[in-house]
Amino acid sequence: MLKIGAEVQQSLHAPRWRISKACGTQNCVEVAAAGDGTVAVRDSKHPDGALLRYSAAEWRDFIAGAKNGEFDDLVEPDIQPPLAWRRSALE
């Protein structure tokens, strides 16, 4: 993961920023293909602020984990994290 500032953000060739259809507020995470094979992520409240960029492999792994429910416990306190995650946290 690379964190980059606004000057590098402007060098991205006019990315098409997207937010989730589930986002009903201005407090959203936006994502865009950066053109160099990475995925850029930013805070919708600060579009000129810093970006996080992830390789295609990192992004694919994150999306797979999200679809698998591996992060549900971060927003739903009553949900237990997956057993594999709990095991790795204890090691």
N, C-alpha and C. Protein backbone atom coordinates (compact mmCIF):
# COMPACT_ATOMS: atom_id res chain seq x y z
N MET A 1 0.84 -1.17 0.00
CA MET A 1 0.00 0.00 0.00
C MET A 1 0.89 1.24 0.00
N LEU A 2 0.57 2.17 -0.89
CA LEU A 2 1.30 3.42 -0.97
C LEU A 2 0.37 4.56 -0.61
N LYS A 3 0.82 5.46 0.24
CA LYS A 3 0.03 6.65 0.54
C LYS A 3 0.64 7.78 -0.26
N ILE A 4 -0.21 8.51 -1.01
CA ILE A 4 0.31 9.59 -1.84
C ILE A 4 -0.45 10.87 -1.57
N GLY A 5 0.18 11.99 -1.85
CA GLY A 5 -0.41 13.28 -1.59
C GLY A 5 -1.16 13.84 -2.79
N ALA A 6 -1.70 15.04 -2.63
CA ALA A 6 -2.54 15.67 -3.64
C ALA A 6 -1.78 15.92 -4.94
N GLU A 7 -0.47 16.23 -4.87
CA GLU A 7 0.27 16.51 -6.10
C GLU A 7 0.35 15.28 -7.00
N VAL A 8 0.47 14.12 -6.42
CA VAL A 8 0.49 12.89 -7.21
C VAL A 8 -0.92 12.56 -7.66
N GLN A 9 -1.91 12.85 -6.83
CA GLN A 9 -3.30 12.59 -7.19
C GLN A 9 -3.65 13.30 -8.49
N GLN A 10 -3.20 14.53 -8.66
CA GLN A 10 -3.51 15.28 -9.86
C GLN A 10 -2.84 14.69 -11.09
N SER A 11 -1.77 13.92 -10.90
CA SER A 11 -1.09 13.32 -12.03
C SER A 11 -1.81 12.07 -12.52
N LEU A 12 -2.76 11.56 -11.75
CA LEU A 12 -3.57 10.44 -12.22
C LEU A 12 -4.41 10.96 -13.38
N HIS A 13 -4.48 10.24 -14.42
CA HIS A 13 -5.14 10.71 -15.63
C HIS A 13 -6.66 10.72 -15.48
N ALA A 14 -7.18 11.75 -14.84
CA ALA A 14 -8.62 11.96 -14.65
C ALA A 14 -9.35 10.66 -14.31
N PRO A 15 -9.07 10.10 -13.14
CA PRO A 15 -9.74 8.84 -12.79
C PRO A 15 -11.25 9.05 -12.63
N ARG A 16 -11.99 8.02 -12.87
CA ARG A 16 -13.44 8.04 -12.67
C ARG A 16 -13.71 7.51 -11.26
N TRP A 17 -13.98 8.43 -10.35
CA TRP A 17 -14.19 8.06 -8.96
C TRP A 17 -15.59 7.48 -8.80
N ARG A 18 -15.69 6.44 -7.96
CA ARG A 18 -16.97 5.78 -7.71
C ARG A 18 -17.16 5.60 -6.21
N ILE A 19 -18.43 5.62 -5.82
CA ILE A 19 -18.80 5.32 -4.43
C ILE A 19 -19.86 4.22 -4.46
N SER A 20 -20.06 3.60 -3.34
CA SER A 20 -21.06 2.55 -3.22
C SER A 20 -22.46 3.13 -3.39
N LYS A 21 -23.32 2.39 -4.04
CA LYS A 21 -24.72 2.80 -4.15
C LYS A 21 -25.38 2.86 -2.78
N ALA A 22 -24.81 2.16 -1.80
CA ALA A 22 -25.36 2.15 -0.45
C ALA A 22 -25.01 3.43 0.32
N CYS A 23 -24.11 4.23 -0.19
CA CYS A 23 -23.69 5.45 0.50
C CYS A 23 -24.75 6.52 0.31
N GLY A 24 -25.38 6.90 1.40
CA GLY A 24 -26.43 7.91 1.33
C GLY A 24 -26.02 9.25 1.89
N THR A 25 -24.74 9.39 2.23
CA THR A 25 -24.27 10.65 2.81
C THR A 25 -23.03 11.10 2.05
N GLN A 26 -22.42 12.17 2.51
CA GLN A 26 -21.16 12.63 1.93
C GLN A 26 -19.97 12.00 2.63
N ASN A 27 -20.20 11.12 3.56
CA ASN A 27 -19.13 10.46 4.30
C ASN A 27 -18.87 9.09 3.68
N CYS A 28 -18.28 9.10 2.50
CA CYS A 28 -18.09 7.86 1.76
C CYS A 28 -16.63 7.66 1.39
N VAL A 29 -16.34 6.44 1.05
CA VAL A 29 -15.03 6.09 0.50
C VAL A 29 -15.22 6.03 -1.01
N GLU A 30 -14.33 6.67 -1.76
CA GLU A 30 -14.38 6.65 -3.21
C GLU A 30 -13.21 5.83 -3.74
N VAL A 31 -13.43 5.11 -4.82
CA VAL A 31 -12.38 4.30 -5.44
C VAL A 31 -12.32 4.61 -6.93
N ALA A 32 -11.12 4.43 -7.49
CA ALA A 32 -10.94 4.64 -8.93
C ALA A 32 -9.77 3.80 -9.42
N ALA A 33 -9.85 3.37 -10.67
CA ALA A 33 -8.71 2.73 -11.31
C ALA A 33 -7.70 3.84 -11.60
N ALA A 34 -6.46 3.67 -11.16
CA ALA A 34 -5.47 4.73 -11.28
C ALA A 34 -4.77 4.76 -12.63
N GLY A 35 -4.99 3.80 -13.47
CA GLY A 35 -4.39 3.82 -14.79
C GLY A 35 -3.06 3.09 -14.88
N ASP A 36 -2.45 2.82 -13.75
CA ASP A 36 -1.17 2.10 -13.75
C ASP A 36 -1.35 0.70 -13.17
N GLY A 37 -2.59 0.24 -13.14
CA GLY A 37 -2.88 -1.08 -12.60
C GLY A 37 -3.20 -1.09 -11.12
N THR A 38 -3.14 0.07 -10.48
CA THR A 38 -3.47 0.16 -9.06
C THR A 38 -4.88 0.71 -8.89
N VAL A 39 -5.41 0.56 -7.68
CA VAL A 39 -6.71 1.12 -7.32
C VAL A 39 -6.45 2.21 -6.30
N ALA A 40 -6.99 3.40 -6.55
CA ALA A 40 -6.83 4.53 -5.65
C ALA A 40 -8.08 4.64 -4.77
N VAL A 41 -7.88 5.01 -3.51
CA VAL A 41 -8.97 5.15 -2.55
C VAL A 41 -8.82 6.51 -1.87
N ARG A 42 -9.94 7.22 -1.73
CA ARG A 42 -9.90 8.53 -1.05
C ARG A 42 -11.17 8.74 -0.25
N ASP A 43 -11.12 9.75 0.60
CA ASP A 43 -12.25 10.16 1.43
C ASP A 43 -13.07 11.17 0.62
N SER A 44 -14.36 10.94 0.45
CA SER A 44 -15.19 11.84 -0.36
C SER A 44 -15.28 13.24 0.23
N LYS A 45 -15.08 13.36 1.55
CA LYS A 45 -15.12 14.69 2.18
C LYS A 45 -13.89 15.52 1.84
N HIS A 46 -12.82 14.86 1.42
CA HIS A 46 -11.56 15.54 1.13
C HIS A 46 -11.01 15.07 -0.22
N PRO A 47 -11.69 15.41 -1.32
CA PRO A 47 -11.28 14.90 -2.62
C PRO A 47 -9.89 15.36 -3.07
N ASP A 48 -9.39 16.45 -2.50
CA ASP A 48 -8.04 16.90 -2.85
C ASP A 48 -7.00 16.43 -1.83
N GLY A 49 -7.43 15.62 -0.88
CA GLY A 49 -6.52 15.12 0.15
C GLY A 49 -5.73 13.92 -0.32
N ALA A 50 -5.12 13.27 0.63
CA ALA A 50 -4.26 12.12 0.34
C ALA A 50 -5.07 10.94 -0.19
N LEU A 51 -4.38 10.13 -0.97
CA LEU A 51 -4.95 8.90 -1.52
C LEU A 51 -4.21 7.71 -0.95
N LEU A 52 -4.86 6.60 -0.95
CA LEU A 52 -4.20 5.32 -0.71
C LEU A 52 -4.29 4.57 -2.03
N ARG A 53 -3.19 3.93 -2.43
CA ARG A 53 -3.20 3.15 -3.66
C ARG A 53 -2.82 1.72 -3.33
N TYR A 54 -3.55 0.79 -3.95
CA TYR A 54 -3.34 -0.63 -3.72
C TYR A 54 -3.09 -1.33 -5.05
N SER A 55 -2.23 -2.32 -5.02
CA SER A 55 -2.01 -3.12 -6.23
C SER A 55 -3.29 -3.89 -6.54
N ALA A 56 -3.39 -4.39 -7.76
CA ALA A 56 -4.57 -5.17 -8.14
C ALA A 56 -4.72 -6.39 -7.22
N ALA A 57 -3.61 -7.03 -6.87
CA ALA A 57 -3.66 -8.21 -6.00
C ALA A 57 -4.16 -7.83 -4.60
N GLU A 58 -3.66 -6.72 -4.05
CA GLU A 58 -4.11 -6.27 -2.73
C GLU A 58 -5.61 -5.96 -2.75
N TRP A 59 -6.06 -5.26 -3.80
CA TRP A 59 -7.47 -4.89 -3.90
C TRP A 59 -8.35 -6.13 -4.05
N ARG A 60 -7.92 -7.06 -4.88
CA ARG A 60 -8.66 -8.31 -5.08
C ARG A 60 -8.81 -9.07 -3.76
N ASP A 61 -7.72 -9.14 -3.00
CA ASP A 61 -7.76 -9.83 -1.71
C ASP A 61 -8.69 -9.12 -0.72
N PHE A 62 -8.65 -7.80 -0.72
CA PHE A 62 -9.53 -7.04 0.18
C PHE A 62 -10.99 -7.27 -0.18
N ILE A 63 -11.33 -7.16 -1.46
CA ILE A 63 -12.71 -7.36 -1.89
C ILE A 63 -13.18 -8.77 -1.57
N ALA A 64 -12.33 -9.77 -1.78
CA ALA A 64 -12.69 -11.15 -1.45
C ALA A 64 -12.98 -11.28 0.04
N GLY A 65 -12.16 -10.65 0.87
CA GLY A 65 -12.38 -10.69 2.31
C GLY A 65 -13.68 -9.99 2.71
N ALA A 66 -13.97 -8.86 2.07
CA ALA A 66 -15.21 -8.13 2.37
C ALA A 66 -16.42 -8.97 1.97
N LYS A 67 -16.36 -9.58 0.80
CA LYS A 67 -17.47 -10.44 0.36
C LYS A 67 -17.65 -11.64 1.28
N ASN A 68 -16.55 -12.09 1.85
CA ASN A 68 -16.58 -13.25 2.75
C ASN A 68 -17.01 -12.89 4.18
N GLY A 69 -17.22 -11.59 4.44
CA GLY A 69 -17.67 -11.16 5.76
C GLY A 69 -16.55 -10.98 6.77
N GLU A 70 -15.31 -10.97 6.32
CA GLU A 70 -14.17 -10.91 7.23
C GLU A 70 -14.04 -9.59 7.98
N PHE A 71 -14.75 -8.55 7.57
CA PHE A 71 -14.65 -7.25 8.22
C PHE A 71 -15.97 -6.82 8.86
N ASP A 72 -16.98 -7.69 8.81
CA ASP A 72 -18.29 -7.34 9.34
C ASP A 72 -18.25 -6.95 10.81
N ASP A 73 -17.34 -7.55 11.57
CA ASP A 73 -17.26 -7.26 13.00
C ASP A 73 -16.81 -5.82 13.27
N LEU A 74 -16.26 -5.14 12.28
CA LEU A 74 -15.81 -3.76 12.47
C LEU A 74 -16.99 -2.79 12.55
N VAL A 75 -18.12 -3.16 11.94
CA VAL A 75 -19.28 -2.28 11.96
C VAL A 75 -20.48 -2.88 12.69
N GLU A 76 -20.42 -4.16 12.97
CA GLU A 76 -21.48 -4.85 13.71
C GLU A 76 -20.84 -5.49 14.93
N PRO A 77 -20.87 -4.81 16.09
CA PRO A 77 -20.14 -5.30 17.27
C PRO A 77 -20.54 -6.70 17.73
N ASP A 78 -21.75 -7.15 17.41
CA ASP A 78 -22.19 -8.46 17.87
C ASP A 78 -21.68 -9.61 17.00
N ILE A 79 -21.05 -9.28 15.88
CA ILE A 79 -20.53 -10.31 14.98
C ILE A 79 -19.10 -10.65 15.40
N GLN A 80 -18.82 -11.91 15.49
CA GLN A 80 -17.47 -12.37 15.82
C GLN A 80 -16.61 -12.37 14.56
N PRO A 81 -15.33 -11.95 14.66
CA PRO A 81 -14.46 -12.05 13.50
C PRO A 81 -14.28 -13.51 13.11
N PRO A 82 -13.96 -13.77 11.84
CA PRO A 82 -13.76 -15.16 11.42
C PRO A 82 -12.71 -15.86 12.28
N LEU A 83 -12.89 -17.15 12.48
CA LEU A 83 -12.00 -17.94 13.31
C LEU A 83 -10.55 -17.84 12.84
N ALA A 84 -10.32 -17.87 11.54
CA ALA A 84 -8.95 -17.79 11.02
C ALA A 84 -8.30 -16.48 11.44
N TRP A 85 -9.07 -15.37 11.42
CA TRP A 85 -8.52 -14.08 11.82
C TRP A 85 -8.19 -14.09 13.30
N ARG A 86 -9.08 -14.65 14.12
CA ARG A 86 -8.84 -14.69 15.56
C ARG A 86 -7.61 -15.51 15.87
N ARG A 87 -7.42 -16.62 15.14
CA ARG A 87 -6.23 -17.46 15.35
C ARG A 87 -4.97 -16.70 15.02
N SER A 88 -4.94 -16.01 13.88
CA SER A 88 -3.73 -15.30 13.47
C SER A 88 -3.42 -14.14 14.42
N ALA A 89 -4.46 -13.53 15.00
CA ALA A 89 -4.24 -12.42 15.94
C ALA A 89 -3.60 -12.91 17.23
N LEU A 90 -3.84 -14.17 17.58
CA LEU A 90 -3.29 -14.73 18.81
C LEU A 90 -1.88 -15.26 18.64
N GLU A 91 -1.46 -15.47 17.41
CA GLU A 91 -0.12 -16.04 17.17
C GLU A 91 0.97 -15.01 17.27
